[in-house]
Amino acid sequence: MKLLPFTLRRLRDGLLVLWAAASLTFLAVTFSGGDTALAILGDTQSLPTPELLAQVRAEYGLDQPVWVQYGHYLGRLAQGDLGESYRLQIPVSQAISEQLGATLQLAACAGLLAVLLALASALLTAGRGRRLRALASGTELVLSSTPSLVSGLVLLWVFAFELRLLPPSGSQGWQSLVLPTVALALPIMAVLAQVLRHSLEDVLEQPFISQARARGMSDTAVRLRHALRHALVPLVTLSGYVFASLLGGAVVVELLFGRQGIGRLMLNATSNKDVPLVLGVTLLAAAIYVLVNLLVDVLNQFIDPRSSRA
């Protein structure tokens, strides 16, 4: 079968992506401004003595050449050790695991909502009247051009402060998840709907669609049973990149709605120059990107009728 070599090649490429992400982030954080030893001590106002700073640098290996620190980091990483957070004084894996659930919950809900809304919009408007398509396309253009921060502020003003239907912040209960999910999903839904509508309209012009209609199939059955499968390939491919970027989009949404998660953790780690924690979160984002796109590539082998699996 061709699927196994294809998957192995994608895994090889994924490992290269992870190595590049780890290396570039290490260099960027290492050569950024500020004294890492001072950040570890966590008190810039007390002006620690040079002896204390030297002790901290020696304890964490910061007095060694950069290439030595890089080699030690890759060695620990190869053993699955992400190190210990400078500020939290706990393993990086523990710090991430404590916040990962909230971010994955938000990203999964937003991704699912975006796909469902995109499917509904495209199926209802593809090949319909010009005015309906123009209205849908115009609305999607506005939504896709609106940052999650702006749409989140509008949602907060309307549903939290004016109507008082939903809580403005927090991480407790499903009510607190509604507004962040919608704010994160709307721009993604708009992009997916545009791609799927164009793909559906191309498929609906194909001869096999006319043959299905000639056999007496209803328009709904034609769209769901025949056209949708052929139109899903670009949607699935684009969804892989969109879902991989949900982690980054969740940063702004989590901060705006006061939610716990990886976004707040990453912001604090960056501002505090917590190198192990920054590297750990970056590797997590890269790993999700690699995994999602690997699954999408494999899934396309089954969805695309033109793919050969012999």
Protein backbone atom coordinates (compact mmCIF):
# COMPACT_ATOMS: atom_id res chain seq x y z
CA MET A 1 0.00 0.00 0.00
CA LYS A 2 1.09 3.54 -0.67
CA LEU A 3 -0.43 4.86 2.54
CA LEU A 4 2.35 3.57 4.82
CA PRO A 5 5.28 5.21 2.93
CA PHE A 6 3.22 8.38 2.63
CA THR A 7 2.60 8.45 6.40
CA LEU A 8 6.27 7.76 7.18
CA ARG A 9 7.35 10.65 4.97
CA ARG A 10 4.92 12.95 6.74
CA LEU A 11 6.23 11.80 10.13
CA ARG A 12 9.79 12.54 9.02
CA ASP A 13 8.77 16.02 7.88
CA GLY A 14 6.93 16.53 11.17
CA LEU A 15 10.04 15.72 13.20
CA LEU A 16 12.00 18.28 11.17
CA VAL A 17 9.32 20.88 11.90
CA LEU A 18 9.51 20.14 15.63
CA TRP A 19 13.32 20.41 15.60
CA ALA A 20 13.18 23.70 13.71
CA ALA A 21 10.55 25.12 16.08
CA ALA A 22 12.56 24.10 19.14
CA SER A 23 15.82 25.47 17.75
CA LEU A 24 14.48 28.80 16.52
CA THR A 25 12.56 29.44 19.73
CA PHE A 26 15.60 28.56 21.84
CA LEU A 27 17.78 31.01 19.93
CA ALA A 28 15.12 33.74 19.93
CA VAL A 29 14.52 33.54 23.68
CA THR A 30 18.21 33.16 24.50
CA PHE A 31 19.28 36.24 22.53
CA SER A 32 16.32 38.41 23.52
CA GLY A 33 16.87 41.32 25.86
CA GLY A 34 16.95 40.98 29.61
CA ASP A 35 18.90 38.96 32.13
CA THR A 36 17.53 35.44 32.49
CA ALA A 37 19.11 35.04 35.93
CA LEU A 38 17.35 38.19 37.11
CA ALA A 39 14.07 36.89 35.69
CA ILE A 40 14.53 33.61 37.55
CA LEU A 41 14.94 35.45 40.85
CA GLY A 42 11.69 37.24 40.06
CA ASP A 43 12.43 40.48 41.87
CA THR A 44 13.94 43.21 39.75
CA GLN A 45 13.45 45.86 42.47
CA SER A 46 15.70 44.27 45.09
CA LEU A 47 18.80 44.40 42.86
CA PRO A 48 20.36 41.02 43.71
CA THR A 49 24.08 40.95 44.36
CA PRO A 50 26.47 39.85 41.60
CA GLU A 51 27.35 36.82 43.70
CA LEU A 52 23.72 35.70 43.82
CA LEU A 53 23.29 36.24 40.09
CA ALA A 54 26.45 34.22 39.43
CA GLN A 55 25.14 31.42 41.65
CA VAL A 56 21.86 31.31 39.74
CA ARG A 57 23.65 31.28 36.37
CA ALA A 58 25.83 28.39 37.50
CA GLU A 59 22.86 26.46 38.92
CA TYR A 60 20.88 26.70 35.67
CA GLY A 61 23.87 26.38 33.33
CA LEU A 62 23.49 29.94 32.04
CA ASP A 63 27.21 30.56 32.43
CA GLN A 64 27.99 28.00 29.71
CA PRO A 65 28.32 28.82 26.01
CA VAL A 66 25.07 28.98 24.05
CA TRP A 67 25.95 25.95 21.95
CA VAL A 68 26.50 23.90 25.12
CA GLN A 69 23.13 25.02 26.53
CA TYR A 70 21.53 24.14 23.19
CA GLY A 71 23.09 20.67 23.20
CA HIS A 72 21.91 20.00 26.75
CA TYR A 73 18.43 21.20 25.83
CA LEU A 74 18.19 18.88 22.81
CA GLY A 75 19.52 16.01 24.90
CA ARG A 76 16.84 16.49 27.55
CA LEU A 77 14.21 16.97 24.88
CA ALA A 78 15.15 13.67 23.24
CA GLN A 79 14.48 11.99 26.58
CA GLY A 80 11.07 13.67 26.88
CA ASP A 81 12.26 16.11 29.56
CA LEU A 82 10.99 19.66 28.98
CA GLY A 83 12.77 20.99 32.04
CA GLU A 84 11.47 23.00 34.98
CA SER A 85 9.79 26.37 34.87
CA TYR A 86 12.05 29.11 36.23
CA ARG A 87 9.23 31.06 37.87
CA LEU A 88 6.68 28.38 38.77
CA GLN A 89 9.32 25.96 40.07
CA ILE A 90 7.42 22.97 38.70
CA PRO A 91 8.06 20.75 35.66
CA VAL A 92 7.06 22.36 32.38
CA SER A 93 4.96 19.33 31.48
CA GLN A 94 2.97 19.78 34.68
CA ALA A 95 2.48 23.52 34.10
CA ILE A 96 1.22 22.86 30.56
CA SER A 97 -1.03 19.94 31.52
CA GLU A 98 -2.74 22.06 34.19
CA GLN A 99 -3.77 24.66 31.58
CA LEU A 100 -4.06 22.56 28.42
CA GLY A 101 -7.52 21.18 29.09
CA ALA A 102 -9.20 24.60 29.09
CA THR A 103 -7.52 25.63 25.83
CA LEU A 104 -8.29 22.36 24.07
CA GLN A 105 -11.91 22.61 25.19
CA LEU A 106 -12.18 26.12 23.73
CA ALA A 107 -10.38 25.20 20.50
CA ALA A 108 -12.43 22.03 19.96
CA CYS A 109 -15.75 23.80 20.52
CA ALA A 110 -14.75 26.69 18.26
CA GLY A 111 -13.50 24.37 15.53
CA LEU A 112 -16.64 22.21 15.62
CA LEU A 113 -18.91 25.27 15.56
CA ALA A 114 -16.96 26.80 12.67
CA VAL A 115 -17.22 23.66 10.55
CA LEU A 116 -20.93 23.14 11.22
CA LEU A 117 -21.78 26.77 10.41
CA ALA A 118 -19.61 26.66 7.28
CA LEU A 119 -21.30 23.49 6.06
CA ALA A 120 -24.76 24.92 6.66
CA SER A 121 -23.96 28.23 4.97
CA ALA A 122 -22.34 26.63 1.90
CA LEU A 123 -25.00 23.95 1.41
CA LEU A 124 -27.83 26.47 1.69
CA THR A 125 -26.34 29.12 -0.61
CA ALA A 126 -24.18 27.31 -3.20
CA GLY A 127 -25.72 27.61 -6.65
CA ARG A 128 -28.68 29.61 -5.36
CA GLY A 129 -29.84 33.06 -6.40
CA ARG A 130 -27.34 35.84 -6.97
CA ARG A 131 -28.67 38.00 -4.15
CA LEU A 132 -28.52 35.22 -1.59
CA ARG A 133 -24.96 34.33 -2.58
CA ALA A 134 -23.92 37.99 -2.50
CA LEU A 135 -25.43 38.44 0.97
CA ALA A 136 -23.69 35.32 2.30
CA SER A 137 -20.36 36.21 0.69
CA GLY A 138 -20.50 39.79 1.97
CA THR A 139 -21.27 38.65 5.51
CA GLU A 140 -18.45 36.10 5.41
CA LEU A 141 -16.03 38.70 4.06
CA VAL A 142 -16.80 41.00 6.98
CA LEU A 143 -16.49 38.18 9.53
CA SER A 144 -13.23 36.84 8.07
CA SER A 145 -11.74 40.36 8.15
CA THR A 146 -12.76 40.99 11.74
CA PRO A 147 -10.20 39.93 14.39
CA SER A 148 -11.41 37.78 17.24
CA LEU A 149 -10.60 40.63 19.60
CA VAL A 150 -13.10 42.95 17.89
CA SER A 151 -15.85 40.34 17.55
CA GLY A 152 -15.25 39.32 21.15
CA LEU A 153 -15.69 42.90 22.35
CA VAL A 154 -18.95 43.19 20.40
CA LEU A 155 -20.22 39.92 21.85
CA LEU A 156 -19.28 41.04 25.35
CA TRP A 157 -21.08 44.36 24.96
CA VAL A 158 -24.27 42.84 23.55
CA PHE A 159 -24.71 39.56 25.41
CA ALA A 160 -22.84 40.17 28.67
CA PHE A 161 -23.25 43.85 29.46
CA GLU A 162 -26.45 44.90 27.65
CA LEU A 163 -28.63 41.77 27.64
CA ARG A 164 -26.86 40.13 30.62
CA LEU A 165 -27.50 36.68 29.21
CA LEU A 166 -23.98 35.29 29.58
CA PRO A 167 -21.06 35.87 31.98
CA PRO A 168 -18.34 38.24 30.69
CA SER A 169 -15.42 36.20 32.05
CA GLY A 170 -14.42 33.08 33.90
CA SER A 171 -13.84 29.40 33.18
CA GLN A 172 -16.64 27.78 35.17
CA GLY A 173 -19.69 26.25 33.51
CA TRP A 174 -20.79 26.01 29.91
CA GLN A 175 -22.18 29.54 29.93
CA SER A 176 -18.69 31.00 30.24
CA LEU A 177 -17.61 29.02 27.18
CA VAL A 178 -20.27 30.33 24.78
CA LEU A 179 -18.96 33.82 24.01
CA PRO A 180 -15.26 32.81 23.65
CA THR A 181 -16.27 29.93 21.37
CA VAL A 182 -18.34 32.15 19.09
CA ALA A 183 -15.67 34.87 19.00
CA LEU A 184 -13.00 32.35 17.99
CA ALA A 185 -15.21 30.45 15.54
CA LEU A 186 -16.71 33.29 13.47
CA PRO A 187 -13.61 34.30 11.43
CA ILE A 188 -12.74 30.65 10.83
CA MET A 189 -16.29 29.79 9.78
CA ALA A 190 -16.30 32.63 7.26
CA VAL A 191 -13.14 31.42 5.52
CA LEU A 192 -14.27 27.79 5.46
CA ALA A 193 -17.72 28.70 4.11
CA GLN A 194 -16.24 30.69 1.23
CA VAL A 195 -13.93 27.85 0.24
CA LEU A 196 -16.65 25.21 0.50
CA ARG A 197 -19.21 27.25 -1.44
CA HIS A 198 -16.84 27.77 -4.37
CA SER A 199 -15.93 24.09 -4.34
CA LEU A 200 -19.59 23.04 -4.20
CA GLU A 201 -20.53 25.33 -7.07
CA ASP A 202 -17.78 23.79 -9.21
CA VAL A 203 -18.93 20.26 -8.37
CA LEU A 204 -22.59 21.06 -9.04
CA GLU A 205 -21.65 21.87 -12.64
CA GLN A 206 -20.15 18.42 -13.25
CA PRO A 207 -21.91 15.90 -15.57
CA PHE A 208 -22.40 13.26 -12.86
CA ILE A 209 -24.51 15.77 -10.89
CA SER A 210 -26.78 16.23 -13.93
CA GLN A 211 -27.08 12.44 -14.22
CA ALA A 212 -28.08 12.19 -10.56
CA ARG A 213 -30.75 14.84 -11.05
CA ALA A 214 -32.00 13.04 -14.16
CA ARG A 215 -32.55 9.88 -12.07
CA GLY A 216 -35.04 11.85 -9.98
CA MET A 217 -32.93 12.58 -6.92
CA SER A 218 -33.95 15.63 -4.90
CA ASP A 219 -31.69 18.66 -4.72
CA THR A 220 -30.94 18.00 -1.06
CA ALA A 221 -29.94 14.39 -1.74
CA VAL A 222 -27.73 15.44 -4.65
CA ARG A 223 -25.92 17.98 -2.52
CA LEU A 224 -25.46 15.70 0.49
CA ARG A 225 -24.80 12.34 -1.19
CA HIS A 226 -22.80 13.36 -4.26
CA ALA A 227 -21.60 16.95 -4.32
CA LEU A 228 -20.52 17.29 -0.70
CA ARG A 229 -18.01 14.44 -0.76
CA HIS A 230 -16.19 15.86 -3.78
CA ALA A 231 -16.24 19.37 -2.32
CA LEU A 232 -14.89 18.33 1.08
CA VAL A 233 -11.26 17.91 -0.02
CA PRO A 234 -10.28 21.61 0.02
CA LEU A 235 -12.34 22.13 3.18
CA VAL A 236 -10.57 19.32 5.03
CA THR A 237 -7.17 20.54 3.85
CA LEU A 238 -7.89 24.10 4.95
CA SER A 239 -9.40 22.90 8.22
CA GLY A 240 -6.08 21.32 9.13
CA TYR A 241 -4.29 24.64 8.97
CA VAL A 242 -7.18 26.43 10.67
CA PHE A 243 -7.35 24.00 13.58
CA ALA A 244 -3.59 24.16 13.98
CA SER A 245 -3.86 27.94 14.35
CA LEU A 246 -6.69 27.74 16.90
CA LEU A 247 -4.13 27.49 19.68
CA GLY A 248 -2.68 30.85 18.68
CA GLY A 249 -6.12 32.44 18.32
CA ALA A 250 -7.08 31.18 21.75
CA VAL A 251 -4.40 33.38 23.31
CA VAL A 252 -6.28 36.63 22.57
CA VAL A 253 -9.67 35.13 23.37
CA GLU A 254 -8.53 33.71 26.70
CA LEU A 255 -7.09 37.04 27.78
CA LEU A 256 -10.16 38.97 26.62
CA PHE A 257 -12.63 36.73 28.44
CA GLY A 258 -10.43 36.12 31.49
CA ARG A 259 -10.14 32.38 30.91
CA GLN A 260 -7.43 30.07 32.13
CA GLY A 261 -5.40 28.31 29.47
CA ILE A 262 -2.23 28.05 27.46
CA GLY A 263 -2.59 31.63 26.17
CA ARG A 264 -2.27 33.23 29.59
CA LEU A 265 0.50 30.77 30.50
CA MET A 266 2.48 31.67 27.36
CA LEU A 267 2.05 35.41 27.89
CA ASN A 268 3.31 35.21 31.47
CA ALA A 269 6.22 32.97 30.48
CA THR A 270 7.30 35.34 27.71
CA SER A 271 7.11 38.46 29.86
CA ASN A 272 9.05 36.69 32.65
CA LYS A 273 11.65 35.23 30.24
CA ASP A 274 10.80 31.76 31.49
CA VAL A 275 12.79 29.96 28.79
CA PRO A 276 11.81 26.33 29.53
CA LEU A 277 8.11 27.20 29.67
CA VAL A 278 8.22 29.25 26.45
CA LEU A 279 9.98 26.39 24.69
CA GLY A 280 7.50 23.86 26.05
CA VAL A 281 4.44 25.78 24.86
CA THR A 282 6.05 26.42 21.46
CA LEU A 283 6.77 22.72 21.03
CA LEU A 284 3.20 21.93 22.00
CA ALA A 285 1.87 24.28 19.31
CA ALA A 286 4.25 22.80 16.74
CA ALA A 287 3.29 19.25 17.71
CA ILE A 288 -0.42 20.04 17.33
CA TYR A 289 0.29 21.60 13.93
CA VAL A 290 2.20 18.52 12.79
CA LEU A 291 -0.36 16.04 14.14
CA VAL A 292 -3.40 17.81 12.71
CA ASN A 293 -1.88 18.19 9.27
CA LEU A 294 -0.71 14.57 9.28
CA LEU A 295 -4.26 13.44 10.05
CA VAL A 296 -5.62 15.74 7.33
CA ASP A 297 -3.17 14.41 4.73
CA VAL A 298 -4.08 10.81 5.57
CA LEU A 299 -7.81 11.62 5.64
CA ASN A 300 -7.59 13.18 2.19
CA GLN A 301 -6.39 9.84 0.83
CA PHE A 302 -9.81 8.43 1.72
CA ILE A 303 -12.02 11.43 0.99
CA ASP A 304 -10.62 12.41 -2.41
CA PRO A 305 -12.10 10.06 -5.02
CA ARG A 306 -9.09 10.73 -7.26
CA SER A 307 -6.59 9.47 -4.66
CA SER A 308 -5.08 6.07 -5.36
CA ARG A 309 -4.68 3.78 -2.39
CA ALA A 310 -3.49 0.80 -4.29
